[in-house]
Amino acid sequence: MRIAWILVGSTASCSNGVNVKPKDIDIIVKTEDVYDVDRIFASTYRVLRRVRYSSNGVYSSHYGIFETHGVKIEVMADLKICGELGCLDVDFEELYSFSRRIELRDTSLRVAPLEWQLVANTLIPGKEKRIKKNLGVLMIKGINTKTLELVLSKAPLGVRKYVIKLLKDKSITCK
């Protein structure tokens, strides 16, 4: 069985060049695969929480937590992120289509782009430092216009305006 997945969160930001120390590994999978991942991870790793649908006001998803070698692995599917500026429904296929592939040892990983991380972080309370760090890297590398446009097209209007203002204030150019 082959299951597609995407690395998101602090580990994805770190993989994109942001100076952040990941506290865990966050992955998103297709909704139809999340309970298979749950069974596989539960038979391999320490279970902290089996996958089940839940919502805490900021995140809604099918969600489980596992641990290996002291590292937490959070598995999500059908993710929705909500904040003061609205909600972002994360479509796995779309995110996968503009995620980038990186090679790590003998493994190929899909990583959410920094443009997506920036938009998602604007919805999450307490992510101001991460947003600044993301912007710092984007100032150096530039923005992938196509990716940013796609991500912003799915974001609430308030988020679109906020992100565009952040980029303009930092004079970040698109490539």
Protein backbone atom coordinates (compact mmCIF):
# COMPACT_ATOMS: atom_id res chain seq x y z
CA MET A 1 0.00 0.00 0.00
CA ARG A 2 1.38 3.40 -1.00
CA ILE A 3 0.08 6.41 0.92
CA ALA A 4 0.78 9.97 -0.20
CA TRP A 5 1.57 12.45 2.55
CA ILE A 6 2.87 15.99 2.97
CA LEU A 7 5.13 17.39 5.65
CA VAL A 8 3.72 20.62 7.16
CA GLY A 9 4.29 22.73 10.27
CA SER A 10 7.64 23.56 11.84
CA THR A 11 9.45 20.68 10.15
CA ALA A 12 8.28 21.90 6.74
CA SER A 13 9.32 25.46 7.62
CA CYS A 14 12.74 24.17 8.70
CA SER A 15 13.02 22.16 5.46
CA ASN A 16 12.31 25.40 3.57
CA GLY A 17 15.21 27.18 5.26
CA VAL A 18 13.48 28.82 8.22
CA ASN A 19 15.60 28.90 11.38
CA VAL A 20 13.19 27.05 13.66
CA LYS A 21 13.68 23.97 15.81
CA PRO A 22 10.80 21.57 15.13
CA LYS A 23 9.06 20.18 18.20
CA ASP A 24 7.27 17.45 16.26
CA ILE A 25 6.56 16.11 12.79
CA ASP A 26 3.22 17.14 11.27
CA ILE A 27 1.91 15.27 8.25
CA ILE A 28 -1.25 15.57 6.21
CA VAL A 29 -2.70 12.60 4.34
CA LYS A 30 -5.82 12.01 2.27
CA THR A 31 -8.98 11.52 4.31
CA GLU A 32 -9.49 8.07 2.82
CA ASP A 33 -5.99 7.05 3.99
CA VAL A 34 -5.89 8.51 7.50
CA TYR A 35 -7.29 5.44 9.29
CA ASP A 36 -4.88 3.16 7.41
CA VAL A 37 -2.05 5.43 8.59
CA ASP A 38 -3.51 5.21 12.09
CA ARG A 39 -3.38 1.39 12.01
CA ILE A 40 0.15 1.32 10.56
CA PHE A 41 1.50 3.89 13.02
CA ALA A 42 -0.30 2.26 15.98
CA SER A 43 1.40 -1.05 15.15
CA THR A 44 4.82 0.61 14.79
CA TYR A 45 4.99 3.59 17.15
CA ARG A 46 3.87 4.50 20.64
CA VAL A 47 0.26 5.71 20.53
CA LEU A 48 -0.50 8.97 22.29
CA ARG A 49 -3.86 9.44 20.59
CA ARG A 50 -5.55 7.29 17.95
CA VAL A 51 -6.88 9.15 14.91
CA ARG A 52 -10.39 10.50 15.34
CA TYR A 53 -12.20 13.58 14.14
CA SER A 54 -11.99 16.54 16.49
CA SER A 55 -12.06 20.32 16.59
CA ASN A 56 -10.57 22.78 19.06
CA GLY A 57 -11.69 26.06 17.49
CA VAL A 58 -8.46 26.62 15.56
CA TYR A 59 -7.97 23.18 14.00
CA SER A 60 -10.57 20.69 12.83
CA SER A 61 -9.40 17.39 11.35
CA HIS A 62 -9.09 13.66 11.63
CA TYR A 63 -6.14 13.75 14.00
CA GLY A 64 -3.82 11.37 15.83
CA ILE A 65 -0.53 11.56 17.70
CA PHE A 66 2.20 8.94 17.77
CA GLU A 67 5.73 8.91 19.13
CA THR A 68 9.02 7.33 18.18
CA HIS A 69 12.42 7.93 19.77
CA GLY A 70 10.95 10.83 21.77
CA VAL A 71 9.62 12.57 18.66
CA LYS A 72 5.89 13.19 18.28
CA ILE A 73 4.30 12.55 14.89
CA GLU A 74 0.96 14.26 14.35
CA VAL A 75 -1.20 12.87 11.55
CA MET A 76 -4.03 14.95 10.05
CA ALA A 77 -6.59 14.66 7.28
CA ASP A 78 -9.43 16.90 6.14
CA LEU A 79 -7.70 19.80 7.94
CA LYS A 80 -9.42 23.12 8.48
CA ILE A 81 -7.56 26.01 10.15
CA CYS A 82 -9.61 28.89 11.58
CA GLY A 83 -8.53 32.20 13.04
CA GLU A 84 -9.74 35.75 13.48
CA LEU A 85 -9.47 36.37 9.73
CA GLY A 86 -11.54 33.33 8.70
CA CYS A 87 -10.99 29.66 7.86
CA LEU A 88 -8.79 27.80 5.42
CA ASP A 89 -9.91 24.37 4.22
CA VAL A 90 -6.80 22.42 3.30
CA ASP A 91 -7.42 20.42 0.12
CA PHE A 92 -4.89 17.57 0.12
CA GLU A 93 -4.71 17.23 -3.67
CA GLU A 94 -4.09 20.94 -4.18
CA LEU A 95 -1.48 21.11 -1.44
CA TYR A 96 0.21 18.01 -2.85
CA SER A 97 0.24 19.52 -6.35
CA PHE A 98 2.40 22.46 -5.29
CA SER A 99 4.36 20.79 -2.50
CA ARG A 100 7.97 20.18 -3.35
CA ARG A 101 9.82 16.92 -3.25
CA ILE A 102 13.04 16.66 -1.29
CA GLU A 103 15.39 13.72 -0.91
CA LEU A 104 16.52 12.80 2.58
CA ARG A 105 18.88 9.86 2.71
CA ASP A 106 17.01 7.14 0.78
CA THR A 107 13.58 8.68 1.24
CA SER A 108 11.60 11.07 -0.92
CA LEU A 109 9.45 13.54 1.05
CA ARG A 110 6.77 16.02 0.01
CA VAL A 111 7.04 19.35 1.83
CA ALA A 112 4.51 22.17 1.95
CA PRO A 113 6.00 25.32 0.41
CA LEU A 114 6.87 28.31 2.55
CA GLU A 115 4.16 30.35 0.83
CA TRP A 116 1.56 27.90 2.20
CA GLN A 117 3.19 27.89 5.63
CA LEU A 118 3.02 31.71 5.70
CA VAL A 119 -0.68 31.79 4.85
CA ALA A 120 -1.57 28.99 7.29
CA ASN A 121 0.41 30.62 10.10
CA THR A 122 -1.51 33.90 9.74
CA LEU A 123 -4.59 32.02 10.97
CA ILE A 124 -2.93 30.42 14.01
CA PRO A 125 -2.72 32.44 17.23
CA GLY A 126 0.80 32.84 18.61
CA LYS A 127 2.61 32.33 15.29
CA GLU A 128 3.84 35.92 14.93
CA LYS A 129 7.52 34.96 15.34
CA ARG A 130 7.15 32.15 12.80
CA ILE A 131 5.53 34.55 10.34
CA LYS A 132 8.48 36.95 10.72
CA LYS A 133 10.95 34.11 10.19
CA ASN A 134 9.03 32.90 7.12
CA LEU A 135 9.06 36.43 5.72
CA GLY A 136 12.80 36.66 6.35
CA VAL A 137 13.48 33.59 4.24
CA LEU A 138 11.04 34.71 1.54
CA MET A 139 12.85 38.06 1.39
CA ILE A 140 16.01 36.18 0.44
CA LYS A 141 14.54 33.47 -1.80
CA GLY A 142 11.63 35.41 -3.30
CA ILE A 143 8.05 34.27 -3.64
CA ASN A 144 6.84 31.67 -6.10
CA THR A 145 4.00 33.75 -7.57
CA LYS A 146 2.08 30.77 -8.92
CA THR A 147 2.11 28.99 -5.55
CA LEU A 148 1.20 32.13 -3.62
CA GLU A 149 -1.70 32.93 -5.96
CA LEU A 150 -3.09 29.40 -5.61
CA VAL A 151 -2.78 29.42 -1.82
CA LEU A 152 -4.29 32.89 -1.49
CA SER A 153 -7.17 31.96 -3.82
CA LYS A 154 -8.25 29.41 -1.18
CA ALA A 155 -7.74 31.73 1.79
CA PRO A 156 -10.37 34.02 3.33
CA LEU A 157 -10.38 37.61 2.06
CA GLY A 158 -8.98 38.94 5.36
CA VAL A 159 -6.02 36.58 5.14
CA ARG A 160 -5.36 37.52 1.51
CA LYS A 161 -5.28 41.22 2.37
CA TYR A 162 -3.10 40.64 5.44
CA VAL A 163 -0.53 38.49 3.59
CA ILE A 164 -0.33 40.91 0.65
CA LYS A 165 0.25 43.77 3.11
CA LEU A 166 2.97 41.79 4.92
CA LEU A 167 4.77 41.12 1.64
CA LYS A 168 4.42 44.71 0.49
CA ASP A 169 5.66 46.09 3.83
CA LYS A 170 8.77 43.88 3.52
CA SER A 171 9.24 44.67 -0.19
CA ILE A 172 9.28 40.95 -0.96
CA THR A 173 9.38 40.29 -4.66
CA CYS A 174 7.84 37.47 -6.61
CA LYS A 175 9.82 35.17 -8.87
